Amino acid sequence: MTNQKPTATCRLKQDYMRLKRDPVPYITAEPLPSNILEWHYVIKGPEDSPYYGGYYHGTLLFTKEFPFKPPSIYMTTPNGRFKTNKRLCLSISDFHPDTWNPAWSVATILTGLLSFMLESTPTMGSCETTPAEKRRYAQQSLEFNMKNEVFQELFPEICEEIGERLQKIEEQRKQAAAASAENGADSAAGETATADGGMFVAGGRSGIDDSNIWHSLYTNLIVLVGFVVFALIVHYVIKSMNI
């Protein structure tokens, strides 16, 4: 047993140096400074996946028998693919020691985890969600991870990246709110102008209607006077004939 701990420590140090020299795409991993058997990783959602924009934090717990025994794998950040803080049943995890290959490194484990994350194959520790739900989890992952002290301690560069993104998102929200308020003010002004215009038009119509009434009365008066005059003339002519 005394020879196994140095073997695990030596192997994990080698894997760490390889990761620094040849990083795994979309993945960053760091061991705890106080315990090299506990690793923390961050998966950045690939561009062509519903996880794009998300940062997914999890842990790898190695035994003293590593590399002859596989690690336990956990996901900490809600993601829509794996349950959080549950041991994941994968061929590269301690759920399947019979399929474990001692030649596999930390990079191999994390590459396999990312590959399985992008699939939809069910397994113990997985969950089913829609692509829209996964995208929502991706957005929520920013603030979620920033509340984790271990995450902040081990991944300061990623925290800085997330902080910049959160700042941009906040600026976009403020701009959208300002634009919405401006549009609302313009709309209210338009409604007021329309109302004033309506009143003006109504007044104009009233004036037109009054003019028409007076014109009609004047016409009727002329017709009446003309009829009276015509009647008087006829009466005069008839009276003259009788004389």
Protein backbone atom coordinates (compact mmCIF):
# COMPACT_ATOMS: atom_id res chain seq x y z
CA MET A 1 0.00 0.00 0.00
CA THR A 2 2.84 2.40 0.74
CA ASN A 3 4.02 2.25 -2.88
CA GLN A 4 0.59 3.02 -4.34
CA LYS A 5 0.28 6.59 -3.11
CA PRO A 6 3.54 7.74 -4.67
CA THR A 7 2.46 5.99 -7.90
CA ALA A 8 -0.84 7.89 -8.02
CA THR A 9 0.82 11.17 -7.12
CA CYS A 10 3.58 10.72 -9.68
CA ARG A 11 1.15 9.74 -12.42
CA LEU A 12 -1.22 12.64 -11.73
CA LYS A 13 1.67 15.10 -11.77
CA GLN A 14 2.69 13.74 -15.15
CA ASP A 15 -0.88 14.06 -16.43
CA TYR A 16 -1.01 17.64 -15.19
CA MET A 17 2.15 18.54 -17.06
CA ARG A 18 0.77 16.94 -20.23
CA LEU A 19 -2.46 18.91 -19.89
CA LYS A 20 -0.53 22.14 -19.59
CA ARG A 21 1.58 21.26 -22.58
CA ASP A 22 -1.28 19.90 -24.72
CA PRO A 23 -4.59 21.34 -23.48
CA VAL A 24 -7.81 19.48 -24.23
CA PRO A 25 -10.19 21.57 -26.38
CA TYR A 26 -13.02 23.15 -24.35
CA ILE A 27 -11.64 21.76 -21.06
CA THR A 28 -9.58 23.19 -18.23
CA ALA A 29 -8.57 21.12 -15.20
CA GLU A 30 -6.74 21.82 -11.96
CA PRO A 31 -6.02 19.65 -8.90
CA LEU A 32 -6.58 21.02 -5.42
CA PRO A 33 -3.29 22.45 -4.12
CA SER A 34 -3.86 20.58 -0.87
CA ASN A 35 -4.91 17.26 -2.43
CA ILE A 36 -3.74 16.09 -5.83
CA LEU A 37 -6.29 13.25 -5.75
CA GLU A 38 -9.14 15.78 -6.11
CA TRP A 39 -9.31 17.47 -9.49
CA HIS A 40 -11.70 20.16 -10.65
CA TYR A 41 -12.53 20.70 -14.29
CA VAL A 42 -14.45 23.24 -16.37
CA ILE A 43 -16.07 22.36 -19.68
CA LYS A 44 -16.86 25.23 -22.04
CA GLY A 45 -19.87 24.46 -24.18
CA PRO A 46 -18.83 23.85 -27.81
CA GLU A 47 -20.16 26.26 -30.43
CA ASP A 48 -22.28 23.70 -32.28
CA SER A 49 -24.09 22.45 -29.17
CA PRO A 50 -26.94 23.66 -26.92
CA TYR A 51 -24.29 24.07 -24.21
CA TYR A 52 -22.61 26.91 -26.09
CA GLY A 53 -21.89 29.85 -23.81
CA GLY A 54 -22.02 27.72 -20.69
CA TYR A 55 -19.27 26.83 -18.22
CA TYR A 56 -19.67 23.48 -16.49
CA HIS A 57 -17.75 22.81 -13.32
CA GLY A 58 -17.21 19.32 -11.90
CA THR A 59 -14.80 17.09 -10.01
CA LEU A 60 -12.71 13.97 -10.51
CA LEU A 61 -11.95 12.02 -7.33
CA PHE A 62 -9.00 9.66 -7.74
CA THR A 63 -8.09 6.83 -5.43
CA LYS A 64 -4.64 6.03 -4.14
CA GLU A 65 -4.71 3.07 -6.52
CA PHE A 66 -4.83 5.26 -9.63
CA PRO A 67 -3.99 4.57 -12.46
CA PHE A 68 -5.02 0.99 -11.74
CA LYS A 69 -8.49 2.08 -10.63
CA PRO A 70 -10.69 4.72 -12.30
CA PRO A 71 -11.87 7.93 -10.62
CA SER A 72 -15.36 9.00 -9.57
CA ILE A 73 -16.81 11.70 -11.81
CA TYR A 74 -19.22 14.41 -10.66
CA MET A 75 -20.85 17.44 -12.28
CA THR A 76 -21.43 20.47 -10.07
CA THR A 77 -22.96 23.03 -12.44
CA PRO A 78 -26.59 22.43 -13.56
CA ASN A 79 -26.40 21.55 -17.24
CA GLY A 80 -29.42 19.57 -18.41
CA ARG A 81 -27.39 16.45 -19.29
CA PHE A 82 -26.06 15.18 -15.97
CA LYS A 83 -27.50 15.37 -12.50
CA THR A 84 -25.46 17.53 -10.17
CA ASN A 85 -23.37 16.09 -7.34
CA LYS A 86 -24.15 12.52 -8.42
CA ARG A 87 -21.63 9.87 -9.42
CA LEU A 88 -21.79 9.47 -13.17
CA CYS A 89 -21.95 6.00 -14.66
CA LEU A 90 -19.48 6.08 -17.54
CA SER A 91 -17.04 3.59 -18.98
CA ILE A 92 -14.24 5.87 -17.78
CA SER A 93 -15.55 6.13 -14.20
CA ASP A 94 -15.47 3.90 -11.15
CA PHE A 95 -18.87 2.51 -12.12
CA HIS A 96 -17.09 0.27 -14.65
CA PRO A 97 -13.72 -0.83 -13.28
CA ASP A 98 -13.89 -3.81 -15.66
CA THR A 99 -13.64 -1.49 -18.69
CA TRP A 100 -10.98 0.78 -17.23
CA ASN A 101 -7.61 1.00 -18.93
CA PRO A 102 -4.65 2.10 -16.75
CA ALA A 103 -3.13 3.77 -19.79
CA TRP A 104 -5.94 6.32 -19.80
CA SER A 105 -4.93 9.72 -18.47
CA VAL A 106 -6.80 12.68 -17.02
CA ALA A 107 -6.99 14.12 -20.52
CA THR A 108 -8.56 10.87 -21.77
CA ILE A 109 -11.13 10.94 -18.98
CA LEU A 110 -12.16 14.53 -19.62
CA THR A 111 -12.29 14.02 -23.40
CA GLY A 112 -14.56 11.04 -22.87
CA LEU A 113 -16.74 13.02 -20.47
CA LEU A 114 -17.19 15.83 -23.00
CA SER A 115 -17.97 13.34 -25.76
CA PHE A 116 -20.62 11.64 -23.64
CA MET A 117 -22.05 15.00 -22.62
CA LEU A 118 -22.69 15.86 -26.27
CA GLU A 119 -24.58 12.59 -26.75
CA SER A 120 -28.09 11.74 -25.58
CA THR A 121 -27.43 8.16 -24.43
CA PRO A 122 -29.06 7.65 -21.01
CA THR A 123 -27.06 6.34 -18.09
CA MET A 124 -27.12 6.43 -14.30
CA GLY A 125 -26.64 10.04 -13.31
CA SER A 126 -27.92 11.47 -16.59
CA CYS A 127 -31.15 13.41 -17.16
CA GLU A 128 -33.29 14.40 -20.13
CA THR A 129 -34.00 18.01 -21.04
CA THR A 130 -34.87 19.91 -24.20
CA PRO A 131 -32.28 21.92 -26.15
CA ALA A 132 -34.02 25.10 -24.98
CA GLU A 133 -33.61 24.04 -21.36
CA LYS A 134 -29.94 23.26 -21.94
CA ARG A 135 -29.44 26.73 -23.43
CA ARG A 136 -31.11 28.26 -20.38
CA TYR A 137 -28.80 26.28 -18.09
CA ALA A 138 -25.86 27.55 -20.16
CA GLN A 139 -26.86 31.17 -19.47
CA GLN A 140 -27.45 30.49 -15.79
CA SER A 141 -24.09 28.75 -15.40
CA LEU A 142 -22.22 32.09 -15.43
CA GLU A 143 -23.62 33.43 -12.19
CA PHE A 144 -23.88 29.96 -10.64
CA ASN A 145 -20.16 29.26 -10.95
CA MET A 146 -19.16 32.69 -9.68
CA LYS A 147 -20.77 31.84 -6.34
CA ASN A 148 -18.43 28.86 -5.88
CA GLU A 149 -15.30 29.74 -3.89
CA VAL A 150 -13.31 26.72 -5.10
CA PHE A 151 -14.15 27.62 -8.69
CA GLN A 152 -12.94 31.16 -8.15
CA GLU A 153 -9.75 29.97 -6.48
CA LEU A 154 -8.76 27.40 -9.11
CA PHE A 155 -9.94 29.18 -12.29
CA PRO A 156 -9.22 32.93 -11.95
CA GLU A 157 -8.81 33.42 -15.70
CA ILE A 158 -12.16 31.80 -16.43
CA CYS A 159 -13.72 33.92 -13.67
CA GLU A 160 -12.35 37.02 -15.36
CA GLU A 161 -13.80 35.86 -18.66
CA ILE A 162 -17.17 35.18 -17.06
CA GLY A 163 -17.08 38.56 -15.30
CA GLU A 164 -16.57 40.34 -18.62
CA ARG A 165 -19.45 38.41 -20.17
CA LEU A 166 -21.75 39.21 -17.25
CA GLN A 167 -20.84 42.88 -17.57
CA LYS A 168 -21.69 42.87 -21.28
CA ILE A 169 -24.97 41.12 -20.57
CA GLU A 170 -25.84 43.73 -17.95
CA GLU A 171 -25.00 46.55 -20.38
CA GLN A 172 -27.20 44.95 -23.03
CA ARG A 173 -30.04 44.69 -20.52
CA LYS A 174 -29.71 48.36 -19.63
CA GLN A 175 -29.65 49.35 -23.31
CA ALA A 176 -32.70 47.21 -24.00
CA ALA A 177 -34.53 48.73 -21.02
CA ALA A 178 -33.62 52.26 -22.15
CA ALA A 179 -34.76 51.51 -25.70
CA SER A 180 -37.99 50.05 -24.41
CA ALA A 181 -38.62 53.11 -22.24
CA GLU A 182 -37.86 55.42 -25.17
CA ASN A 183 -40.20 53.49 -27.44
CA GLY A 184 -42.86 53.64 -24.75
CA ALA A 185 -42.46 57.43 -24.48
CA ASP A 186 -42.67 57.83 -28.27
CA SER A 187 -45.76 55.66 -28.35
CA ALA A 188 -47.42 57.72 -25.61
CA ALA A 189 -46.54 60.95 -27.43
CA GLY A 190 -47.99 59.52 -30.62
CA GLU A 191 -51.21 58.62 -28.86
CA THR A 192 -51.45 62.14 -27.40
CA ALA A 193 -50.86 63.69 -30.81
CA THR A 194 -53.51 61.45 -32.30
CA ALA A 195 -55.94 62.42 -29.58
CA ASP A 196 -55.26 66.13 -30.16
CA GLY A 197 -55.62 65.63 -33.87
CA GLY A 198 -58.90 63.87 -33.31
CA MET A 199 -60.20 66.77 -31.29
CA PHE A 200 -59.06 69.19 -33.97
CA VAL A 201 -60.69 67.20 -36.70
CA ALA A 202 -63.81 66.88 -34.63
CA GLY A 203 -63.90 70.65 -34.22
CA GLY A 204 -63.37 71.08 -37.96
CA ARG A 205 -66.20 68.75 -38.73
CA SER A 206 -68.41 70.67 -36.34
CA GLY A 207 -67.62 73.90 -38.19
CA ILE A 208 -68.35 72.24 -41.52
CA ASP A 209 -71.64 70.91 -40.24
CA ASP A 210 -72.71 74.36 -38.94
CA SER A 211 -71.89 75.95 -42.29
CA ASN A 212 -73.94 73.34 -44.10
CA ILE A 213 -76.92 73.96 -41.80
CA TRP A 214 -76.84 77.72 -42.39
CA HIS A 215 -76.44 77.20 -46.10
CA SER A 216 -79.42 74.87 -46.15
CA LEU A 217 -81.55 77.29 -44.15
CA TYR A 218 -80.57 80.17 -46.45
CA THR A 219 -81.45 78.12 -49.52
CA ASN A 220 -84.78 77.08 -48.09
CA LEU A 221 -85.52 80.71 -47.21
CA ILE A 222 -84.81 81.84 -50.74
CA VAL A 223 -87.03 79.10 -52.14
CA LEU A 224 -89.81 80.07 -49.74
CA VAL A 225 -89.56 83.76 -50.62
CA GLY A 226 -89.54 82.92 -54.30
CA PHE A 227 -92.61 80.75 -53.89
CA VAL A 228 -94.42 83.54 -52.03
CA VAL A 229 -93.52 86.06 -54.73
CA PHE A 230 -94.65 83.64 -57.43
CA ALA A 231 -97.92 83.09 -55.62
CA LEU A 232 -98.51 86.82 -55.35
CA ILE A 233 -97.82 87.31 -59.06
CA VAL A 234 -100.22 84.55 -60.01
CA HIS A 235 -102.83 86.00 -57.71
CA TYR A 236 -102.35 89.42 -59.28
CA VAL A 237 -102.62 88.08 -62.82
CA ILE A 238 -105.83 86.19 -62.05
CA LYS A 239 -107.35 89.23 -60.36
CA SER A 240 -106.46 91.41 -63.38
CA MET A 241 -108.16 88.98 -65.76
CA ASN A 242 -111.31 89.04 -63.74
CA ILE A 243 -111.44 92.78 -63.95
